[in-house]
Amino acid sequence: MAARITFKRMSDDYLADLAARKYSGIEPKSAVKLLRGMGYGDNDMISADDCVGLRTAAAYAIAKIKNKSYKEYVVFNDFFAFLGDEARHRGYAFDIKPLPRQLTALERQITIAKMLHGKDDGGFSEDKLAEEFMVSIDTIRNDMQGLRYGISVFDQRFSVDYKRYSGRLKMVSTAHPVFLTPNLTEIVFLLEGLRLQDKDMIRHDYLWNTAVSIWSQLSDYARNRILNVLCDIIGLDKSWYEELDRDAASYGAAADRYAAGNGGTGGSDGPVREMFRDEISIGNSHRRMNLLMYCLKGSIPCNISYIGDNGD
């Protein structure tokens, strides 16, 4: 295996192989244009250690195309398959991971939310996300803006509260598990669990805030269906859900007033109740039990003073 070869030889070998295949479904002119878009010069030397670089260059070439289609992915994956098949050429072999299919805007946003929710404390830069999804940085910025304003998935609305630290995007808080709930009925039974536990005075505020958080994420259609249909069908305590709806609405109005006075955005310090909000807003409540629950849930060391049965 040759240690290094020129990009021109590599691309010429591929185009010759492509021409020999009558039914590849790939137009040689399109292949040439895409290969040139990778940004390599004809005399650039490439070794087997540059597999990641080749894949990144292909992603960059696709990101520059405004009106993308699946064909670009087919061409590059066919090119990668050729480079890894020594039977079709001589002297080199590259083990390159195929490019993923093109994602829709919604798929990208959900994937980004999951990535930000991961345990990578270093966060993600916009250019790395653009490279990962093979889109422009402007597209990533639009995706992030959409996540902050909130997107609707199967009648559930959720948003991601994130901040930029040293040019990197980091999630302010963890994702709420209701985001993984597949249907409206399961959300109802999750709320029912919170309602039944709500009699516990120690956890009352925490449970109620969680229920309001979930309710505020639902679409108008979903809330109306629960109040006007599911309450009767399942036999729910409608008065509890109506109170939940009023509380969520009052916080929504407060959020709108706050946004109007802050350039149109609520921000993490405003009164907006979002699933992805920083839970420290609950911990800082005037109710001391909320602060205790916050510390216990987050395994945060704290000092606790209490009065024992003997008065000490």
Protein backbone atom coordinates (compact mmCIF):
# COMPACT_ATOMS: atom_id res chain seq x y z
CA MET A 1 0.00 0.00 0.00
CA ALA A 2 1.42 3.35 -0.99
CA ALA A 3 1.97 5.72 1.92
CA ARG A 4 0.68 8.79 0.08
CA ILE A 5 -0.98 9.57 -3.25
CA THR A 6 -2.15 12.74 -4.93
CA PHE A 7 -5.80 13.76 -4.86
CA LYS A 8 -5.71 13.97 -8.68
CA ARG A 9 -4.72 10.31 -9.02
CA MET A 10 -7.38 9.32 -6.50
CA SER A 11 -10.14 11.24 -8.27
CA ASP A 12 -8.99 10.23 -11.76
CA ASP A 13 -9.03 6.57 -10.75
CA TYR A 14 -12.55 6.95 -9.42
CA LEU A 15 -13.83 8.74 -12.53
CA ALA A 16 -12.31 6.05 -14.73
CA ASP A 17 -14.01 3.37 -12.65
CA LEU A 18 -17.25 5.32 -12.83
CA ALA A 19 -17.04 5.52 -16.62
CA ALA A 20 -16.48 1.75 -16.81
CA ARG A 21 -19.69 1.16 -14.88
CA LYS A 22 -22.56 1.75 -17.31
CA TYR A 23 -25.36 1.51 -14.76
CA SER A 24 -23.98 3.32 -11.73
CA GLY A 25 -26.70 5.98 -11.87
CA ILE A 26 -24.10 8.69 -11.23
CA GLU A 27 -23.34 11.34 -13.83
CA PRO A 28 -19.57 11.85 -14.27
CA LYS A 29 -20.05 15.64 -14.60
CA SER A 30 -21.81 15.79 -11.24
CA ALA A 31 -19.10 13.66 -9.67
CA VAL A 32 -16.35 15.93 -10.99
CA LYS A 33 -18.09 19.02 -9.64
CA LEU A 34 -18.54 17.50 -6.21
CA LEU A 35 -14.97 16.23 -5.99
CA ARG A 36 -13.65 19.68 -6.85
CA GLY A 37 -15.88 21.13 -4.18
CA MET A 38 -13.91 19.21 -1.53
CA GLY A 39 -11.27 21.90 -1.71
CA TYR A 40 -8.25 19.72 -2.47
CA GLY A 41 -5.66 20.70 -5.06
CA ASP A 42 -4.60 18.19 -7.71
CA ASN A 43 -1.13 17.81 -6.18
CA ASP A 44 -2.27 17.57 -2.54
CA MET A 45 -0.82 14.41 -1.05
CA ILE A 46 -3.23 12.19 0.89
CA SER A 47 -2.45 9.17 3.05
CA ALA A 48 -4.57 6.48 4.67
CA ASP A 49 -4.40 8.52 7.88
CA ASP A 50 -6.45 11.26 6.20
CA CYS A 51 -9.74 9.32 6.12
CA VAL A 52 -11.42 11.69 8.56
CA GLY A 53 -10.19 14.66 6.54
CA LEU A 54 -11.70 13.29 3.34
CA ARG A 55 -15.06 12.76 5.00
CA THR A 56 -14.97 16.25 6.49
CA ALA A 57 -14.10 17.72 3.11
CA ALA A 58 -17.07 15.90 1.54
CA ALA A 59 -19.38 17.23 4.25
CA TYR A 60 -18.02 20.73 3.61
CA ALA A 61 -18.67 20.38 -0.13
CA ILE A 62 -22.29 19.37 0.53
CA ALA A 63 -22.78 22.17 3.07
CA LYS A 64 -21.96 24.76 0.38
CA ILE A 65 -24.74 23.52 -1.90
CA LYS A 66 -27.95 25.51 -1.42
CA ASN A 67 -30.40 23.10 -3.02
CA LYS A 68 -29.20 19.72 -1.84
CA SER A 69 -30.65 16.34 -2.79
CA TYR A 70 -29.86 12.77 -1.89
CA LYS A 71 -27.67 12.46 -5.03
CA GLU A 72 -24.72 14.28 -3.44
CA TYR A 73 -24.63 11.73 -0.62
CA VAL A 74 -24.83 8.88 -3.12
CA VAL A 75 -21.85 10.23 -5.07
CA PHE A 76 -19.60 10.70 -2.04
CA ASN A 77 -20.53 7.37 -0.49
CA ASP A 78 -19.84 5.68 -3.82
CA PHE A 79 -16.48 7.49 -3.93
CA PHE A 80 -15.65 6.30 -0.41
CA ALA A 81 -16.65 2.75 -1.27
CA PHE A 82 -14.32 2.88 -4.29
CA LEU A 83 -11.40 4.13 -2.17
CA GLY A 84 -11.88 1.25 0.23
CA ASP A 85 -11.99 -1.46 -2.46
CA GLU A 86 -8.45 -2.38 -3.49
CA ALA A 87 -9.83 -4.75 -6.11
CA ARG A 88 -11.01 -1.72 -8.12
CA HIS A 89 -7.71 0.16 -8.02
CA ARG A 90 -4.08 -0.41 -7.06
CA GLY A 91 -1.79 0.82 -4.35
CA TYR A 92 -4.08 2.35 -1.69
CA ALA A 93 -7.11 1.71 0.48
CA PHE A 94 -9.13 4.03 2.69
CA ASP A 95 -11.60 2.94 5.35
CA ILE A 96 -14.03 5.88 5.34
CA LYS A 97 -17.32 5.92 7.20
CA PRO A 98 -20.27 6.66 4.87
CA LEU A 99 -22.01 10.00 5.12
CA PRO A 100 -25.40 9.98 6.85
CA ARG A 101 -28.55 10.82 4.97
CA GLN A 102 -29.71 14.41 4.80
CA LEU A 103 -31.86 15.35 7.82
CA THR A 104 -34.91 17.55 7.81
CA ALA A 105 -34.88 20.75 9.88
CA LEU A 106 -37.00 19.10 12.59
CA GLU A 107 -34.74 16.02 12.71
CA ARG A 108 -31.71 18.29 13.00
CA GLN A 109 -33.25 20.31 15.82
CA ILE A 110 -34.19 17.21 17.81
CA THR A 111 -30.73 15.72 17.30
CA ILE A 112 -29.08 18.97 18.37
CA ALA A 113 -31.26 19.06 21.50
CA LYS A 114 -30.14 15.52 22.34
CA MET A 115 -26.50 16.43 21.73
CA LEU A 116 -26.73 19.49 23.97
CA HIS A 117 -28.42 17.32 26.58
CA GLY A 118 -25.47 14.94 26.58
CA LYS A 119 -22.72 14.83 29.15
CA ASP A 120 -20.17 16.70 27.05
CA ASP A 121 -19.43 19.62 29.35
CA GLY A 122 -17.41 21.25 26.61
CA GLY A 123 -20.52 22.03 24.57
CA PHE A 124 -20.58 22.30 20.80
CA SER A 125 -19.43 25.02 18.45
CA GLU A 126 -21.69 26.14 15.63
CA ASP A 127 -19.10 25.31 12.98
CA LYS A 128 -18.73 21.77 14.32
CA LEU A 129 -22.50 21.30 14.28
CA ALA A 130 -22.59 22.63 10.71
CA GLU A 131 -19.89 20.15 9.76
CA GLU A 132 -21.69 17.29 11.51
CA PHE A 133 -24.98 17.93 9.70
CA MET A 134 -23.42 19.09 6.43
CA VAL A 135 -25.23 22.42 6.42
CA SER A 136 -24.16 26.05 6.65
CA ILE A 137 -23.52 27.85 9.94
CA ASP A 138 -26.50 30.12 9.15
CA THR A 139 -28.72 27.01 9.01
CA ILE A 140 -27.46 25.88 12.41
CA ARG A 141 -28.14 29.34 13.83
CA ASN A 142 -31.68 29.19 12.46
CA ASP A 143 -32.10 25.74 14.05
CA MET A 144 -30.91 27.04 17.42
CA GLN A 145 -33.20 30.06 17.18
CA GLY A 146 -36.10 27.72 16.47
CA LEU A 147 -35.22 25.58 19.49
CA ARG A 148 -35.14 28.62 21.74
CA TYR A 149 -38.53 29.86 20.55
CA GLY A 150 -39.97 26.35 20.78
CA ILE A 151 -40.96 23.69 18.25
CA SER A 152 -43.99 21.41 18.19
CA VAL A 153 -43.65 17.63 17.96
CA PHE A 154 -46.84 15.54 17.93
CA ASP A 155 -48.84 18.22 19.75
CA GLN A 156 -46.08 18.71 22.32
CA ARG A 157 -44.19 21.96 22.34
CA PHE A 158 -40.69 22.07 23.74
CA SER A 159 -37.86 24.54 23.74
CA VAL A 160 -34.18 24.47 24.64
CA ASP A 161 -32.63 27.11 26.85
CA TYR A 162 -28.98 27.41 25.90
CA LYS A 163 -26.17 29.91 26.28
CA ARG A 164 -22.87 30.61 24.56
CA TYR A 165 -19.71 30.18 26.57
CA SER A 166 -16.45 31.05 24.82
CA GLY A 167 -18.03 30.49 21.42
CA ARG A 168 -19.57 27.14 22.35
CA LEU A 169 -23.23 26.24 22.81
CA LYS A 170 -24.19 24.70 26.13
CA MET A 171 -27.56 23.71 27.47
CA VAL A 172 -28.62 25.64 30.56
CA SER A 173 -30.51 22.71 32.06
CA THR A 174 -31.40 19.09 31.43
CA ALA A 175 -34.18 17.89 29.16
CA HIS A 176 -37.50 16.96 30.70
CA PRO A 177 -38.36 13.24 30.31
CA VAL A 178 -41.79 14.10 28.89
CA PHE A 179 -39.97 14.94 25.66
CA LEU A 180 -39.66 11.18 25.16
CA THR A 181 -43.36 10.54 25.71
CA PRO A 182 -44.84 9.16 22.49
CA ASN A 183 -48.53 10.04 22.86
CA LEU A 184 -51.03 12.27 24.60
CA THR A 185 -52.57 9.52 26.73
CA GLU A 186 -49.22 8.78 28.33
CA ILE A 187 -48.80 12.47 29.13
CA VAL A 188 -52.18 12.40 30.88
CA PHE A 189 -51.18 9.47 33.06
CA LEU A 190 -47.89 11.19 33.86
CA LEU A 191 -49.88 14.23 35.00
CA GLU A 192 -52.20 11.96 36.95
CA GLY A 193 -49.22 10.56 38.81
CA LEU A 194 -48.18 14.08 39.76
CA ARG A 195 -51.75 14.92 40.83
CA LEU A 196 -52.05 11.89 43.11
CA GLN A 197 -48.71 12.66 44.75
CA ASP A 198 -49.58 16.34 45.11
CA LYS A 199 -51.05 15.78 48.61
CA ASP A 200 -47.55 15.40 50.02
CA MET A 201 -46.81 18.85 51.48
CA ILE A 202 -43.05 18.37 51.32
CA ARG A 203 -43.13 17.82 47.57
CA HIS A 204 -46.25 19.84 46.74
CA ASP A 205 -44.60 22.85 45.10
CA TYR A 206 -42.09 20.76 43.23
CA LEU A 207 -44.79 18.46 41.84
CA TRP A 208 -47.07 21.36 40.92
CA ASN A 209 -44.28 23.26 39.16
CA THR A 210 -43.44 20.13 37.20
CA ALA A 211 -47.08 19.65 36.18
CA VAL A 212 -47.36 23.31 35.07
CA SER A 213 -44.10 22.91 33.14
CA ILE A 214 -45.47 19.90 31.26
CA TRP A 215 -48.86 21.54 30.64
CA SER A 216 -47.33 24.74 29.28
CA GLN A 217 -45.44 22.73 26.65
CA LEU A 218 -48.59 21.23 25.13
CA SER A 219 -50.25 22.74 22.08
CA ASP A 220 -53.69 24.37 22.30
CA TYR A 221 -55.14 21.33 20.57
CA ALA A 222 -53.60 18.92 23.10
CA ARG A 223 -54.74 20.94 26.12
CA ASN A 224 -58.29 21.26 24.76
CA ARG A 225 -58.44 17.56 24.00
CA ILE A 226 -57.43 16.68 27.55
CA LEU A 227 -59.91 19.12 29.11
CA ASN A 228 -62.87 18.48 26.82
CA VAL A 229 -62.42 14.85 25.79
CA LEU A 230 -60.01 12.80 27.89
CA CYS A 231 -61.28 14.12 31.23
CA ASP A 232 -64.69 12.62 30.42
CA ILE A 233 -63.45 9.45 28.73
CA ILE A 234 -60.94 8.50 31.42
CA GLY A 235 -62.82 10.06 34.32
CA LEU A 236 -60.22 12.63 35.38
CA ASP A 237 -60.59 15.35 37.99
CA LYS A 238 -61.35 18.14 35.53
CA SER A 239 -61.16 20.86 38.18
CA TRP A 240 -57.48 20.00 38.82
CA TYR A 241 -56.66 20.28 35.11
CA GLU A 242 -58.59 23.54 34.83
CA GLU A 243 -56.56 24.96 37.72
CA LEU A 244 -53.43 23.70 36.01
CA ASP A 245 -54.50 25.44 32.80
CA ARG A 246 -55.18 28.74 34.61
CA ASP A 247 -51.80 28.65 36.35
CA ALA A 248 -49.97 27.91 33.10
CA ALA A 249 -51.90 30.70 31.36
CA SER A 250 -51.01 33.22 34.07
CA TYR A 251 -47.34 32.39 33.73
CA GLY A 252 -47.65 32.60 29.97
CA ALA A 253 -49.08 36.11 30.26
CA ALA A 254 -46.27 37.06 32.64
CA ALA A 255 -43.77 35.69 30.16
CA ASP A 256 -45.28 37.80 27.38
CA ARG A 257 -45.09 40.93 29.53
CA TYR A 258 -41.50 40.14 30.44
CA ALA A 259 -40.60 39.52 26.80
CA ALA A 260 -42.22 42.80 25.74
CA GLY A 261 -39.95 44.64 28.15
CA ASN A 262 -36.80 42.74 27.22
CA GLY A 263 -36.51 42.99 23.50
CA GLY A 264 -38.97 40.20 22.75
CA THR A 265 -37.13 37.39 24.50
CA GLY A 266 -37.87 35.95 27.89
CA GLY A 267 -34.45 34.47 28.59
CA SER A 268 -33.53 32.06 31.35
CA ASP A 269 -33.88 34.75 34.03
CA GLY A 270 -37.45 35.65 33.10
CA PRO A 271 -40.69 34.14 34.37
CA VAL A 272 -41.12 31.79 31.43
CA ARG A 273 -42.00 28.24 32.48
CA GLU A 274 -40.20 25.95 30.08
CA MET A 275 -39.42 22.27 30.33
CA PHE A 276 -35.76 22.94 29.69
CA ARG A 277 -35.48 25.74 32.21
CA ASP A 278 -32.78 25.73 34.85
CA GLU A 279 -34.25 23.92 37.85
CA ILE A 280 -32.41 26.25 40.19
CA SER A 281 -35.37 28.60 39.70
CA ILE A 282 -37.39 26.10 41.73
CA GLY A 283 -34.63 25.64 44.26
CA ASN A 284 -34.51 29.37 44.96
CA SER A 285 -38.18 29.46 45.95
CA HIS A 286 -39.10 30.92 49.32
CA ARG A 287 -40.28 27.45 50.30
CA ARG A 288 -37.34 25.83 52.08
CA MET A 289 -38.55 22.34 51.16
CA ASN A 290 -38.09 23.21 47.49
CA LEU A 291 -34.47 24.06 48.12
CA LEU A 292 -34.02 20.78 49.97
CA MET A 293 -35.56 18.83 47.07
CA TYR A 294 -33.26 20.67 44.65
CA CYS A 295 -30.17 19.72 46.65
CA LEU A 296 -31.28 16.10 47.10
CA LYS A 297 -32.14 15.64 43.43
CA GLY A 298 -28.89 17.15 42.23
CA SER A 299 -26.73 15.41 44.90
CA ILE A 300 -25.59 18.87 45.97
CA PRO A 301 -23.83 19.02 49.39
CA CYS A 302 -25.73 21.23 51.83
CA ASN A 303 -26.00 21.98 55.56
CA ILE A 304 -29.34 21.18 57.19
CA SER A 305 -30.49 22.46 60.59
CA TYR A 306 -33.57 20.93 62.22
CA ILE A 307 -35.25 20.66 65.61
CA GLY A 308 -35.28 17.17 67.08
CA ASP A 309 -37.90 15.63 69.38
CA ASN A 310 -35.90 16.75 72.42
CA GLY A 311 -35.91 20.39 71.26
CA ASP A 312 -32.24 20.52 70.17
